[in-house]
Amino acid sequence: MNGAGSGSSNLCINDTLTDDELRSILAKLESEKDKEIFGLVCKRWLRLQSTERKKLAARAGPHMLRRMADRFTRLLELDLAQSVSRSFYPGVTDSDLAVIANGFTCLRVLNLHNCKGELFFPFFFRCFCLLLIVLLQSLDVSYCRKLTDKGLSAVAKGCSDLRVLHLAGCRFVTDGILEALSKNCHNLEKLGLQGCTNITNYGLISLASGCQQIKYLDINKCSNVSDVGVSSVSRACSSSLKTLKLLDCYKIGDETILSLSKYCDNLETLIIGGCRDVSNDAIKSLAAAGRSNLKNLRMDWCLNLSDSSLSCILSQCRNLEALDIGCCEEVSDAAFELISSEEVDLRLKILKVSNCPKITVAGIGILVGKCSYLEYLDVRSCPHITKAGLDEAGLHFPEFCKVNFNGTINEPVVLI
């Protein structure tokens, strides 16, 4: 029979649905696996799937990059990052970046983390940024160790809408890049400068004068910054700053903490591990100011931390989820006894008290009774806390809580 039923059975979906209708179907697929399967139906569907792809991670030279640029015409995020253990020669080169700039015309996010190639010559990078002008919003060039201010200044001048910049481990970077960012990238929100030891207070003051929407600033191990520079950022970015990392910035003292307490009401994460000059009173002022928003606090090696200031943190920072007081040798069970009578249920999920010789099983018992959400407890090198001792005391930890006695348990990364 050649009736209507027979005719409809031979109808091809590609003759019925337009490209826009197929794109609408593709947009409703939530998992990446389903989207890949969509592309396996036929060449037409593969072409549509490719043009709608937004993210791509690859290891490719110029020839393959050109093919990918022709195929993935609407790509927004390109990840060419390498790892220390898995890298390829010669890495990302200037010719690769030329293909990226010319081929991926919609690109917003570029990750070149740990790329070892001979790249970032100033003249080339100026050309690269002219092609990406006002488009690129996020750039990660962490551990691209040959990168200098000249190449990065071209980024700042060419990509005025830059929101995220990661420069960790770029040892040749100086205050010059912070000046360029201040003049050109007023929408900057996230800046990673870990280990950039040539950064000084002058650079931070320059940054604060033009970039006042910063939410995340990582200057861990930037040993040449002090209170003057950091306080300028806290004042300029008072309403936006949520994460500040100052690990081993040994010149940081009370002025920074008091400035954060006064201006930064929205601060959620503070890393001051190794800032040994921060006083007991400054910590108390931080507790009083940060009770509503502070979630993650790292204070290991803050040697002036006492029982009274720690009890203020625990009783006043009610939303605190992660706390590290490792190597604070003066802290004892008394800090926990001070809050034992309070009607307070701590929200702590991560607690690190390693190398605190005055904390005992009794103090841990008080904490466990207050921390029903606890997921990780680090008691390494606490001479009075052992597994046998905790078992003998009959402590009942939350069901999924892991206790690290000797380093055999992986640490959470939230406080790094």
Protein backbone atom coordinates (compact mmCIF):
# COMPACT_ATOMS: atom_id res chain seq x y z
CA MET A 1 0.00 0.00 0.00
CA ASN A 2 1.17 3.52 -0.79
CA GLY A 3 -1.22 5.34 1.55
CA ALA A 4 -0.46 8.09 4.03
CA GLY A 5 0.90 5.62 6.53
CA SER A 6 3.43 4.29 4.02
CA GLY A 7 4.50 7.76 3.01
CA SER A 8 5.06 8.91 6.61
CA SER A 9 7.15 5.83 7.38
CA ASN A 10 9.69 6.91 4.76
CA LEU A 11 9.90 10.48 6.06
CA CYS A 12 13.44 11.50 7.08
CA ILE A 13 13.84 13.67 10.17
CA ASN A 14 16.49 15.72 8.37
CA ASP A 15 13.90 16.66 5.73
CA THR A 16 11.49 17.85 8.41
CA LEU A 17 13.52 19.71 11.02
CA THR A 18 15.45 22.91 10.35
CA ASP A 19 18.89 23.64 11.78
CA ASP A 20 17.35 25.95 14.37
CA GLU A 21 14.95 23.25 15.51
CA LEU A 22 17.78 20.76 15.84
CA ARG A 23 19.79 23.31 17.82
CA SER A 24 16.80 23.70 20.12
CA ILE A 25 16.77 19.94 20.70
CA LEU A 26 20.53 19.93 21.34
CA ALA A 27 20.17 22.76 23.87
CA LYS A 28 17.78 20.64 25.94
CA LEU A 29 20.38 17.87 26.38
CA GLU A 30 21.99 18.34 29.78
CA SER A 31 24.90 15.89 29.84
CA GLU A 32 28.01 16.17 27.67
CA LYS A 33 27.68 12.46 26.85
CA ASP A 34 24.22 12.97 25.36
CA LYS A 35 25.51 15.89 23.32
CA GLU A 36 28.33 13.72 21.94
CA ILE A 37 25.82 11.01 21.03
CA PHE A 38 23.74 13.64 19.24
CA GLY A 39 26.74 14.31 16.99
CA LEU A 40 27.05 10.63 16.05
CA VAL A 41 23.67 10.51 14.25
CA CYS A 42 24.94 11.89 10.95
CA LYS A 43 27.30 14.50 9.48
CA ARG A 44 24.70 17.24 9.65
CA TRP A 45 24.05 16.63 13.33
CA LEU A 46 27.80 16.46 14.00
CA ARG A 47 28.26 19.83 12.29
CA LEU A 48 25.52 21.38 14.42
CA GLN A 49 26.87 19.78 17.58
CA SER A 50 30.33 21.14 16.80
CA THR A 51 29.17 24.69 16.09
CA GLU A 52 27.21 24.79 19.36
CA ARG A 53 30.06 23.51 21.52
CA LYS A 54 31.18 26.08 24.08
CA LYS A 55 34.11 24.39 25.89
CA LEU A 56 37.11 22.42 24.65
CA ALA A 57 40.25 20.99 26.26
CA ALA A 58 42.98 20.00 23.82
CA ARG A 59 46.64 19.24 23.23
CA ALA A 60 47.30 20.36 19.69
CA GLY A 61 49.72 22.19 17.43
CA PRO A 62 48.85 24.89 14.84
CA HIS A 63 47.57 22.46 12.18
CA MET A 64 45.13 20.72 14.52
CA LEU A 65 44.12 24.02 16.10
CA ARG A 66 43.13 25.36 12.67
CA ARG A 67 40.95 22.31 12.08
CA MET A 68 39.33 22.74 15.49
CA ALA A 69 38.73 26.45 14.85
CA ASP A 70 36.95 25.59 11.59
CA ARG A 71 34.82 23.01 13.36
CA PHE A 72 34.06 24.69 16.69
CA THR A 73 33.11 28.13 15.43
CA ARG A 74 31.30 29.34 18.56
CA LEU A 75 33.76 28.13 21.17
CA LEU A 76 33.86 30.27 24.31
CA GLU A 77 36.39 28.39 26.47
CA LEU A 78 39.65 26.82 25.30
CA ASP A 79 41.84 24.84 27.71
CA LEU A 80 45.41 24.14 26.55
CA ALA A 81 46.79 23.70 30.07
CA GLN A 82 49.55 21.23 30.83
CA SER A 83 50.48 19.54 34.07
CA VAL A 84 53.87 19.04 35.65
CA SER A 85 53.71 15.30 35.01
CA ARG A 86 52.01 15.43 31.59
CA SER A 87 53.29 17.99 29.11
CA PHE A 88 54.10 18.01 25.43
CA TYR A 89 56.91 19.51 23.40
CA PRO A 90 57.24 22.30 22.40
CA GLY A 91 54.19 23.32 24.40
CA VAL A 92 52.12 26.32 23.31
CA THR A 93 54.01 28.62 20.97
CA ASP A 94 53.46 31.99 19.33
CA SER A 95 52.20 30.28 16.18
CA ASP A 96 49.59 28.43 18.26
CA LEU A 97 48.38 31.71 19.74
CA ALA A 98 48.19 33.22 16.26
CA VAL A 99 45.80 30.45 15.23
CA ILE A 100 43.77 30.95 18.42
CA ALA A 101 43.48 34.70 17.90
CA ASN A 102 42.47 34.37 14.24
CA GLY A 103 40.35 31.23 14.45
CA PHE A 104 38.42 31.28 17.73
CA THR A 105 36.70 34.61 17.27
CA CYS A 106 34.17 34.14 20.09
CA LEU A 107 36.71 33.09 22.72
CA ARG A 108 36.16 34.41 26.24
CA VAL A 109 38.25 32.05 28.40
CA LEU A 110 41.79 30.84 27.62
CA ASN A 111 43.76 28.50 29.90
CA LEU A 112 47.52 28.19 29.25
CA HIS A 113 48.42 26.98 32.75
CA ASN A 114 51.94 25.54 32.96
CA CYS A 115 52.61 25.88 29.23
CA LYS A 116 56.32 25.69 28.59
CA GLY A 117 56.56 26.91 25.01
CA GLU A 118 58.57 29.85 23.69
CA LEU A 119 55.71 32.31 23.77
CA PHE A 120 54.66 35.77 24.85
CA PHE A 121 57.09 37.94 22.94
CA PRO A 122 55.79 41.50 23.33
CA PHE A 123 55.25 42.32 19.65
CA PHE A 124 53.35 39.12 19.01
CA PHE A 125 51.22 39.46 22.12
CA ARG A 126 50.18 42.95 21.11
CA CYS A 127 48.91 41.49 17.83
CA PHE A 128 47.21 38.67 19.72
CA CYS A 129 45.34 41.08 21.98
CA LEU A 130 44.28 43.36 19.14
CA LEU A 131 42.46 40.40 17.63
CA LEU A 132 40.83 39.55 20.95
CA ILE A 133 40.14 43.13 21.97
CA VAL A 134 37.27 43.45 24.53
CA LEU A 135 36.40 39.76 24.03
CA LEU A 136 38.74 37.82 26.31
CA GLN A 137 37.47 37.79 29.89
CA SER A 138 39.58 35.10 31.55
CA LEU A 139 43.25 34.20 31.07
CA ASP A 140 45.29 31.67 33.04
CA VAL A 141 49.03 31.79 32.36
CA SER A 142 50.11 30.41 35.74
CA TYR A 143 53.61 28.92 35.71
CA CYS A 144 54.39 30.22 32.22
CA ARG A 145 57.76 31.08 33.65
CA LYS A 146 59.12 33.11 30.73
CA LEU A 147 56.27 35.58 30.78
CA THR A 148 57.17 39.19 31.56
CA ASP A 149 55.40 42.50 32.18
CA LYS A 150 55.74 43.47 28.52
CA GLY A 151 53.64 40.61 27.26
CA LEU A 152 51.07 40.93 30.03
CA SER A 153 50.80 44.71 29.65
CA ALA A 154 49.72 44.04 26.07
CA VAL A 155 46.99 41.78 27.46
CA ALA A 156 45.78 44.51 29.80
CA LYS A 157 45.76 47.14 27.04
CA GLY A 158 44.09 44.93 24.45
CA CYS A 159 41.56 43.06 26.58
CA SER A 160 39.80 45.82 28.49
CA ASP A 161 36.97 43.52 29.64
CA LEU A 162 39.33 41.10 31.38
CA ARG A 163 37.66 39.74 34.53
CA VAL A 164 39.99 36.90 35.61
CA LEU A 165 43.80 36.73 35.43
CA HIS A 166 45.96 34.00 36.96
CA LEU A 167 49.71 34.61 37.13
CA ALA A 168 50.84 32.21 39.88
CA GLY A 169 54.51 31.31 39.60
CA CYS A 170 55.33 33.94 36.97
CA ARG A 171 58.55 35.00 38.63
CA PHE A 172 59.42 37.82 36.22
CA VAL A 173 56.15 39.67 36.76
CA THR A 174 56.50 43.00 38.61
CA ASP A 175 54.40 45.97 39.68
CA GLY A 176 54.27 47.03 36.03
CA ILE A 177 51.45 44.60 35.23
CA LEU A 178 49.39 45.87 38.17
CA GLU A 179 49.76 49.42 36.86
CA ALA A 180 48.61 48.27 33.40
CA LEU A 181 45.62 46.44 34.88
CA SER A 182 44.67 49.49 36.90
CA LYS A 183 44.68 51.73 33.83
CA ASN A 184 42.86 49.38 31.47
CA CYS A 185 40.94 46.56 33.19
CA HIS A 186 38.45 48.24 35.50
CA ASN A 187 36.15 45.19 35.55
CA LEU A 188 38.83 42.86 36.97
CA GLU A 189 37.31 40.56 39.61
CA LYS A 190 39.81 37.76 40.18
CA LEU A 191 43.60 38.07 40.32
CA GLY A 192 46.05 35.30 41.25
CA LEU A 193 49.63 36.37 42.01
CA GLN A 194 50.84 33.50 44.18
CA GLY A 195 54.63 33.40 44.34
CA CYS A 196 55.12 36.58 42.31
CA THR A 197 57.80 37.82 44.68
CA ASN A 198 58.56 41.00 42.72
CA ILE A 199 55.13 42.42 43.54
CA THR A 200 55.34 45.21 46.15
CA ASN A 201 53.08 47.63 47.98
CA TYR A 202 53.47 50.10 45.13
CA GLY A 203 51.86 47.63 42.74
CA LEU A 204 48.95 46.90 45.09
CA ILE A 205 48.32 50.61 45.63
CA SER A 206 48.30 51.11 41.85
CA LEU A 207 45.91 48.18 41.43
CA ALA A 208 43.53 49.57 44.04
CA SER A 209 43.35 52.93 42.29
CA GLY A 210 41.77 51.47 39.15
CA CYS A 211 40.44 47.99 39.91
CA GLN A 212 37.79 48.36 42.60
CA GLN A 213 35.58 45.36 41.85
CA ILE A 214 38.05 42.67 42.91
CA LYS A 215 36.35 39.71 44.58
CA TYR A 216 39.33 37.34 44.77
CA LEU A 217 42.97 38.27 45.40
CA ASP A 218 45.66 35.63 45.92
CA ILE A 219 49.03 37.03 46.97
CA ASN A 220 50.20 33.94 48.82
CA LYS A 221 53.99 33.92 49.23
CA CYS A 222 54.36 37.47 47.89
CA SER A 223 56.93 38.24 50.56
CA ASN A 224 57.46 41.90 49.62
CA VAL A 225 53.93 43.12 50.36
CA SER A 226 52.90 44.51 53.72
CA ASP A 227 50.02 46.25 55.50
CA VAL A 228 50.23 49.42 53.41
CA GLY A 229 49.53 47.66 50.11
CA VAL A 230 46.94 45.18 51.31
CA SER A 231 45.03 47.78 53.29
CA SER A 232 44.75 49.94 50.17
CA VAL A 233 43.05 47.03 48.40
CA SER A 234 40.70 46.33 51.31
CA ARG A 235 39.56 49.95 51.35
CA ALA A 236 39.15 50.25 47.57
CA CYS A 237 37.36 46.89 47.19
CA SER A 238 35.44 46.99 50.45
CA SER A 239 32.07 45.96 49.02
CA SER A 240 33.35 43.33 46.58
CA LEU A 241 36.26 41.49 48.25
CA LYS A 242 35.27 37.94 49.23
CA THR A 243 38.55 36.00 49.14
CA LEU A 244 41.97 37.21 50.28
CA LYS A 245 44.99 34.90 50.46
CA LEU A 246 48.11 36.07 52.31
CA LEU A 247 49.92 32.81 53.11
CA ASP A 248 53.50 33.41 54.33
CA CYS A 249 53.29 37.16 53.74
CA TYR A 250 55.38 37.64 56.87
CA LYS A 251 55.26 41.45 56.76
CA ILE A 252 51.49 41.46 57.28
CA GLY A 253 50.35 42.57 60.72
CA ASP A 254 47.47 44.14 62.62
CA GLU A 255 46.84 47.03 60.21
CA THR A 256 45.69 44.61 57.50
CA ILE A 257 43.39 42.66 59.84
CA LEU A 258 41.87 45.83 61.32
CA SER A 259 41.33 47.24 57.82
CA LEU A 260 39.55 44.05 56.74
CA SER A 261 37.44 44.15 59.91
CA LYS A 262 36.43 47.75 59.25
CA TYR A 263 35.79 47.73 55.51
CA CYS A 264 35.22 44.22 54.12
CA ASP A 265 31.80 43.11 55.33
CA ASN A 266 31.46 40.48 52.59
CA LEU A 267 34.74 38.65 53.22
CA GLU A 268 34.20 34.87 53.09
CA THR A 269 37.71 33.38 52.85
CA LEU A 270 40.83 34.67 54.59
CA ILE A 271 44.22 32.96 54.51
CA ILE A 272 46.76 34.45 56.95
CA GLY A 273 48.81 31.34 57.69
CA GLY A 274 52.38 32.28 58.54
CA CYS A 275 51.51 35.92 59.35
CA ARG A 276 53.19 35.73 62.73
CA ASP A 277 52.86 39.40 63.68
CA VAL A 278 49.05 39.38 63.78
CA SER A 279 48.04 40.01 67.37
CA ASN A 280 45.45 38.46 69.64
CA ASP A 281 43.39 41.67 69.71
CA ALA A 282 43.36 41.94 65.91
CA ILE A 283 41.94 38.42 65.68
CA LYS A 284 39.18 39.39 68.13
CA SER A 285 38.27 42.40 65.99
CA LEU A 286 38.09 40.13 62.95
CA ALA A 287 35.75 37.79 64.81
CA ALA A 288 33.45 40.64 65.79
CA ALA A 289 33.31 41.98 62.24
CA GLY A 290 33.15 38.70 60.33
CA ARG A 291 30.44 36.88 62.19
CA SER A 292 27.91 36.91 59.34
CA ASN A 293 29.89 35.98 56.23
CA LEU A 294 33.28 34.47 57.11
CA LYS A 295 33.32 30.82 56.01
CA ASN A 296 36.96 29.80 55.60
CA LEU A 297 39.78 30.94 57.89
CA ARG A 298 43.37 29.73 57.86
CA MET A 299 45.54 30.90 60.78
CA ASP A 300 48.25 28.24 61.07
CA TRP A 301 51.50 29.62 62.48
CA CYS A 302 49.74 32.73 63.80
CA LEU A 303 51.69 32.37 67.02
CA ASN A 304 49.85 35.09 68.93
CA LEU A 305 46.52 33.27 68.67
CA SER A 306 45.24 32.54 72.17
CA ASP A 307 42.35 30.73 73.79
CA SER A 308 40.38 33.96 74.15
CA SER A 309 40.71 35.01 70.50
CA LEU A 310 39.94 31.50 69.22
CA SER A 311 36.82 31.28 71.37
CA CYS A 312 35.73 34.63 69.89
CA ILE A 313 36.13 33.20 66.40
CA LEU A 314 34.14 30.08 67.26
CA SER A 315 31.32 31.87 69.07
CA GLN A 316 30.92 34.89 66.78
CA CYS A 317 31.67 33.56 63.26
CA ARG A 318 28.53 31.45 63.14
CA ASN A 319 28.85 30.52 59.45
CA LEU A 320 32.46 29.34 59.66
CA GLU A 321 32.90 26.07 57.75
CA ALA A 322 36.68 25.57 57.59
CA LEU A 323 39.28 26.53 60.22
CA ASP A 324 43.02 25.87 60.40
CA ILE A 325 44.90 26.71 63.62
CA GLY A 326 47.80 24.32 63.07
CA CYS A 327 51.04 25.08 64.95
CA CYS A 328 49.34 27.64 67.22
CA GLU A 329 51.10 26.31 70.27
CA GLU A 330 49.38 28.48 72.90
CA VAL A 331 45.88 27.28 72.06
CA SER A 332 44.51 24.77 74.57
CA ASP A 333 41.30 23.02 75.59
CA ALA A 334 40.33 26.22 77.41
CA ALA A 335 39.36 27.81 74.05
CA PHE A 336 36.69 25.15 73.61
CA GLU A 337 35.63 25.16 77.26
CA LEU A 338 34.78 28.85 76.89
CA ILE A 339 32.09 27.99 74.33
CA SER A 340 30.94 24.74 75.94
CA SER A 341 28.14 26.44 77.87
CA GLU A 342 26.91 28.50 74.91
CA GLU A 343 23.82 27.50 72.98
CA VAL A 344 25.67 27.29 69.69
CA ASP A 345 25.84 24.63 66.99
CA LEU A 346 29.00 25.19 64.97
CA ARG A 347 28.81 24.77 61.20
CA LEU A 348 32.41 23.60 60.92
CA LYS A 349 33.04 20.97 58.26
CA ILE A 350 36.85 21.15 58.26
CA LEU A 351 38.98 21.63 61.38
CA LYS A 352 42.78 21.44 61.47
CA VAL A 353 44.53 21.52 64.85
CA SER A 354 47.76 19.73 63.89
CA ASN A 355 50.83 20.47 66.02
CA CYS A 356 48.82 22.03 68.84
CA PRO A 357 50.41 20.35 71.88
CA LYS A 358 48.01 21.78 74.47
CA ILE A 359 44.85 20.42 72.86
CA THR A 360 43.72 17.08 74.30
CA VAL A 361 40.97 14.53 73.84
CA ALA A 362 38.81 16.55 76.26
CA GLY A 363 38.91 19.60 73.95
CA ILE A 364 38.12 17.49 70.91
CA GLY A 365 35.18 16.01 72.80
CA ILE A 366 33.69 19.47 73.36
CA LEU A 367 34.13 20.32 69.69
CA VAL A 368 32.58 17.09 68.45
CA GLY A 369 29.53 17.80 70.57
CA LYS A 370 29.18 21.20 68.88
CA CYS A 371 30.06 20.20 65.30
CA SER A 372 27.37 17.95 63.83
CA TYR A 373 28.49 18.78 60.27
CA LEU A 374 32.18 17.90 60.75
CA GLU A 375 33.68 16.08 57.73
CA TYR A 376 37.44 16.33 58.32
CA LEU A 377 39.52 16.66 61.50
CA ASP A 378 43.32 16.96 61.38
CA VAL A 379 45.04 16.07 64.67
CA ARG A 380 48.47 15.15 63.33
CA SER A 381 51.35 15.67 65.75
CA CYS A 382 49.04 16.40 68.67
CA PRO A 383 50.79 14.38 71.38
CA HIS A 384 47.72 14.06 73.61
CA ILE A 385 45.34 12.94 70.86
CA THR A 386 45.45 9.36 69.58
CA LYS A 387 42.96 7.03 68.00
CA ALA A 388 43.02 4.86 71.08
CA GLY A 389 42.40 7.88 73.28
CA LEU A 390 39.41 9.02 71.23
CA ASP A 391 37.96 5.50 71.25
CA GLU A 392 38.46 5.20 75.00
CA ALA A 393 36.65 8.51 75.53
CA GLY A 394 33.70 7.14 73.55
CA LEU A 395 33.48 10.11 71.23
CA HIS A 396 30.88 9.84 68.49
CA PHE A 397 31.93 11.65 65.33
CA PRO A 398 29.47 12.51 62.55
CA GLU A 399 28.93 9.54 60.25
CA PHE A 400 31.12 10.70 57.35
CA CYS A 401 33.82 12.46 59.37
CA LYS A 402 37.43 11.50 58.61
CA VAL A 403 40.09 11.93 61.30
CA ASN A 404 43.65 12.40 60.10
CA PHE A 405 46.09 11.06 62.70
CA ASN A 406 49.22 10.52 60.60
CA GLY A 407 48.83 12.05 57.13
CA THR A 408 47.31 9.03 55.39
CA ILE A 409 44.14 10.94 54.50
CA ASN A 410 44.07 13.47 51.68
CA GLU A 411 43.56 17.03 52.89
CA PRO A 412 40.70 19.20 51.62
CA VAL A 413 41.92 21.96 49.31
CA VAL A 414 39.56 24.69 50.53
CA LEU A 415 42.22 26.33 52.74
CA ILE A 416 45.08 26.34 50.24
